Amino acid sequence: MDTNEVTNTLRKIIAEAAEIEPEAVTMDAHFIKELDLDSMLLLEIAAKVEKTFKVKLEERDLKELTSLRQSITVAQKYMAQRGS
């Protein structure tokens, strides 16, 4: 999966969880400060990321899911580790 596919997939996951338009999920919009996501929604996003990309996020990396840009970095790291 290339970077554009990862970006679009993550944008859709985040928008659906937050019940906002995908266009509102910009690369650097902070999930908590700008998109008003709470911890439960962040856990839901993390679970969807794991299921969609077939990865298991480590607890220490969950705190890195703060923006679309950071989420892309984390997802690609795990996908590279599993050989995708």
Protein backbone atom coordinates (compact mmCIF):
# COMPACT_ATOMS: atom_id res chain seq x y z
CA MET A 1 0.00 0.00 0.00
CA ASP A 2 1.53 3.32 -1.03
CA THR A 3 1.54 6.53 1.00
CA ASN A 4 -1.49 7.99 -0.78
CA GLU A 5 -3.54 4.87 -0.08
CA VAL A 6 -2.47 4.87 3.57
CA THR A 7 -3.30 8.58 3.85
CA ASN A 8 -6.74 8.24 2.28
CA THR A 9 -7.59 5.15 4.33
CA LEU A 10 -6.52 6.78 7.60
CA ARG A 11 -8.36 10.00 6.74
CA LYS A 12 -11.54 7.97 6.19
CA ILE A 13 -11.10 6.02 9.46
CA ILE A 14 -10.57 9.22 11.45
CA ALA A 15 -13.46 11.09 9.78
CA GLU A 16 -15.87 8.21 10.37
CA ALA A 17 -14.90 7.89 14.03
CA ALA A 18 -15.17 11.65 14.58
CA GLU A 19 -18.32 11.95 12.47
CA ILE A 20 -16.80 14.74 10.38
CA GLU A 21 -16.10 15.26 6.71
CA PRO A 22 -12.82 13.70 5.52
CA GLU A 23 -11.68 17.12 4.25
CA ALA A 24 -11.64 18.35 7.87
CA VAL A 25 -8.91 15.81 8.67
CA THR A 26 -5.90 17.76 7.47
CA MET A 27 -2.37 16.43 7.76
CA ASP A 28 -1.50 18.36 10.91
CA ALA A 29 -4.89 18.89 12.59
CA HIS A 30 -4.39 17.77 16.18
CA PHE A 31 -6.92 15.09 17.05
CA ILE A 32 -7.69 16.39 20.54
CA LYS A 33 -7.05 20.14 20.26
CA GLU A 34 -8.48 20.77 16.79
CA LEU A 35 -10.78 17.86 15.97
CA ASP A 36 -12.16 17.49 19.52
CA LEU A 37 -11.59 13.75 19.69
CA ASP A 38 -11.66 12.18 23.13
CA SER A 39 -9.71 9.20 24.43
CA MET A 40 -12.49 6.73 23.58
CA LEU A 41 -12.55 7.87 19.95
CA LEU A 42 -8.76 7.64 19.80
CA LEU A 43 -8.95 4.03 21.01
CA GLU A 44 -11.61 3.32 18.39
CA ILE A 45 -9.34 4.80 15.72
CA ALA A 46 -6.40 2.73 16.96
CA ALA A 47 -8.51 -0.44 16.81
CA LYS A 48 -9.63 0.35 13.26
CA VAL A 49 -6.04 1.04 12.23
CA GLU A 50 -4.99 -2.35 13.62
CA LYS A 51 -7.80 -4.16 11.84
CA THR A 52 -7.47 -2.31 8.53
CA PHE A 53 -3.69 -2.55 8.25
CA LYS A 54 -3.46 -5.95 9.97
CA VAL A 55 -0.99 -4.71 12.57
CA LYS A 56 -0.84 -4.72 16.36
CA LEU A 57 0.06 -1.30 17.76
CA GLU A 58 2.20 -1.26 20.86
CA GLU A 59 0.94 0.83 23.76
CA ARG A 60 3.90 3.19 23.55
CA ASP A 61 2.98 4.08 19.97
CA LEU A 62 -0.65 4.88 20.73
CA LYS A 63 0.39 8.28 22.10
CA GLU A 64 1.89 9.05 18.69
CA LEU A 65 -1.54 9.02 17.06
CA THR A 66 -2.02 12.78 17.40
CA SER A 67 -2.56 13.85 13.79
CA LEU A 68 -3.04 12.33 10.38
CA ARG A 69 0.65 12.87 9.58
CA GLN A 70 1.74 11.09 12.77
CA SER A 71 -0.76 8.29 12.19
CA ILE A 72 0.63 7.70 8.70
CA THR A 73 4.15 7.45 10.14
CA VAL A 74 3.04 4.93 12.78
CA ALA A 75 1.00 2.82 10.33
CA GLN A 76 3.83 2.69 7.80
CA LYS A 77 6.32 1.71 10.50
CA TYR A 78 4.21 -1.28 11.51
CA MET A 79 3.43 -2.24 7.92
CA ALA A 80 7.15 -2.20 7.11
CA GLN A 81 7.85 -4.43 10.12
CA ARG A 82 5.39 -7.03 8.88
CA GLY A 83 6.72 -6.79 5.33
CA SER A 84 3.89 -4.96 3.52
